[in-house]
């Protein structure tokens, strides 16, 4: 939804500055002011862009993991890669959310990832990961 919102940004901005916005403004002045202020707020659009960038690796990981194939070992690798991609995006964009540094912002997101992972990480999954034949090849062990 955020991607679509970003795609129609120009139209939304044009809508809130048009003369026809006056008619909607009469219906609910507080809501129309809030919508207009949001659409014209560059900082808000920057947060939307950063959120989209952060969500891309997460969505990519979920799409990768949504399969009927046996890929448990790859899921572990994909999870670690996804976290690293998110970290890189946050540190490169220097996003300062709620007055915190990008390191603190990443730590908050990382804690959410770890909390979610811990709910699904059981000894059974660890055993299945360790029994993945990929990790017993000479190429992988020597790499």
Protein backbone atom coordinates (compact mmCIF):
# COMPACT_ATOMS: atom_id res chain seq x y z
CA UNK A 1 0.00 0.00 0.00
CA UNK A 2 2.85 2.38 0.75
CA UNK A 3 4.34 1.76 -2.69
CA UNK A 4 1.03 2.60 -4.31
CA UNK A 5 0.67 5.69 -2.12
CA UNK A 6 4.15 6.79 -3.23
CA UNK A 7 3.24 6.20 -6.88
CA UNK A 8 0.26 8.56 -6.65
CA UNK A 9 2.01 11.22 -4.53
CA UNK A 10 1.85 13.85 -7.27
CA UNK A 11 -1.87 13.33 -7.69
CA UNK A 12 -2.50 13.46 -3.95
CA UNK A 13 -0.54 16.70 -3.59
CA UNK A 14 -2.41 18.20 -6.53
CA UNK A 15 -5.69 17.12 -4.94
CA UNK A 16 -5.08 18.87 -1.60
CA UNK A 17 -3.98 22.11 -3.20
CA UNK A 18 -6.76 22.25 -5.76
CA UNK A 19 -9.76 24.53 -5.43
CA UNK A 20 -12.03 21.49 -5.17
CA UNK A 21 -10.43 20.53 -1.85
CA UNK A 22 -12.52 23.33 -0.37
CA UNK A 23 -15.70 21.24 -0.72
CA UNK A 24 -14.30 18.31 1.22
CA UNK A 25 -12.77 20.66 3.77
CA UNK A 26 -16.28 21.90 4.64
CA UNK A 27 -17.33 18.38 5.66
CA UNK A 28 -14.57 17.72 8.22
CA UNK A 29 -12.14 20.58 8.74
CA UNK A 30 -9.84 18.80 11.22
CA UNK A 31 -9.45 15.70 9.05
CA UNK A 32 -8.95 17.70 5.85
CA UNK A 33 -6.26 19.83 7.49
CA UNK A 34 -4.49 16.71 8.77
CA UNK A 35 -4.60 15.11 5.30
CA UNK A 36 -3.39 18.28 3.58
CA UNK A 37 -0.56 18.82 6.08
CA UNK A 38 0.53 15.18 5.69
CA UNK A 39 0.49 15.26 1.89
CA UNK A 40 2.58 18.44 1.85
CA UNK A 41 5.07 17.26 4.50
CA UNK A 42 8.39 16.29 2.87
CA UNK A 43 9.62 14.62 6.08
CA UNK A 44 6.57 12.34 6.04
CA UNK A 45 7.26 11.32 2.44
CA UNK A 46 10.89 10.60 3.37
CA UNK A 47 9.68 8.28 6.14
CA UNK A 48 7.42 6.55 3.61
CA UNK A 49 10.40 6.04 1.27
CA UNK A 50 12.57 4.66 4.08
CA UNK A 51 9.78 2.34 5.23
CA UNK A 52 9.40 1.00 1.68
CA UNK A 53 13.17 0.40 1.47
CA UNK A 54 13.19 -1.39 4.82
CA UNK A 55 10.20 -3.54 3.90
CA UNK A 56 11.63 -4.69 0.54
CA UNK A 57 14.11 -7.24 2.00
CA UNK A 58 11.48 -8.43 4.51
CA UNK A 59 8.91 -9.00 1.78
CA UNK A 60 11.57 -10.65 -0.40
CA UNK A 61 12.43 -13.05 2.42
CA UNK A 62 8.77 -13.91 3.00
CA UNK A 63 8.27 -14.57 -0.71
CA UNK A 64 11.38 -16.78 -0.76
CA UNK A 65 10.21 -18.76 2.28
CA UNK A 66 6.67 -19.23 0.93
CA UNK A 67 7.27 -22.58 -0.74
CA UNK A 68 6.43 -26.23 -0.36
CA UNK A 69 10.07 -27.22 -0.83
CA UNK A 70 12.44 -28.29 1.92
CA UNK A 71 14.51 -25.13 2.41
CA UNK A 72 14.96 -24.86 6.16
CA UNK A 73 18.72 -24.30 5.92
CA UNK A 74 18.21 -21.59 3.34
CA UNK A 75 15.62 -19.95 5.57
CA UNK A 76 18.25 -19.52 8.28
CA UNK A 77 20.65 -17.95 5.79
CA UNK A 78 17.89 -15.83 4.28
CA UNK A 79 16.89 -14.56 7.71
CA UNK A 80 20.44 -13.45 8.48
CA UNK A 81 20.79 -11.84 5.05
CA UNK A 82 17.48 -10.03 5.43
CA UNK A 83 18.54 -8.57 8.77
CA UNK A 84 21.85 -7.42 7.28
CA UNK A 85 20.06 -5.79 4.31
CA UNK A 86 17.72 -3.96 6.68
CA UNK A 87 20.69 -2.83 8.80
CA UNK A 88 22.50 -1.51 5.71
CA UNK A 89 19.42 0.39 4.54
CA UNK A 90 18.90 1.99 7.94
CA UNK A 91 22.52 3.01 8.34
CA UNK A 92 22.79 4.34 4.77
CA UNK A 93 19.60 6.35 4.98
CA UNK A 94 20.57 7.78 8.37
CA UNK A 95 16.92 7.65 9.29
CA UNK A 96 16.32 9.33 12.59
CA UNK A 97 13.09 7.99 13.94
CA UNK A 98 11.66 9.65 17.03
CA UNK A 99 14.90 11.49 17.72
CA UNK A 100 17.08 8.40 17.99
CA UNK A 101 20.25 7.54 16.10
CA UNK A 102 20.13 5.08 13.22
CA UNK A 103 21.98 2.55 15.42
CA UNK A 104 19.28 2.80 18.08
CA UNK A 105 16.59 2.57 15.42
CA UNK A 106 18.19 -0.57 13.99
CA UNK A 107 18.56 -2.04 17.48
CA UNK A 108 14.83 -1.59 18.02
CA UNK A 109 14.02 -3.31 14.73
CA UNK A 110 16.61 -6.02 15.37
CA UNK A 111 15.06 -6.72 18.78
CA UNK A 112 11.68 -7.17 17.08
CA UNK A 113 13.24 -9.60 14.57
CA UNK A 114 14.94 -11.60 17.33
CA UNK A 115 11.76 -11.69 19.40
CA UNK A 116 9.83 -13.02 16.41
CA UNK A 117 12.55 -15.52 15.53
CA UNK A 118 12.73 -16.84 19.09
CA UNK A 119 9.03 -17.73 18.92
CA UNK A 120 9.75 -20.05 15.98
CA UNK A 121 13.23 -21.31 16.79
CA UNK A 122 12.93 -24.63 18.57
CA UNK A 123 15.42 -27.47 19.04
CA UNK A 124 13.57 -29.36 16.29
CA UNK A 125 14.30 -26.58 13.78
CA UNK A 126 17.91 -26.40 14.90
CA UNK A 127 18.27 -30.16 14.35
CA UNK A 128 16.69 -29.93 10.90
CA UNK A 129 19.07 -27.09 10.01
CA UNK A 130 22.13 -29.02 11.13
CA UNK A 131 21.06 -32.08 9.14
CA UNK A 132 20.84 -30.16 5.87
CA UNK A 133 23.17 -32.02 3.43
CA UNK A 134 24.35 -28.72 1.95
CA UNK A 135 26.49 -28.15 5.03
CA UNK A 136 28.34 -31.42 4.64
CA UNK A 137 29.77 -30.77 1.18
CA UNK A 138 33.51 -30.21 0.84
CA UNK A 139 32.94 -26.94 -1.05
CA UNK A 140 30.86 -25.48 1.76
CA UNK A 141 33.17 -26.70 4.54
CA UNK A 142 36.23 -25.31 2.74
CA UNK A 143 34.55 -22.02 1.78
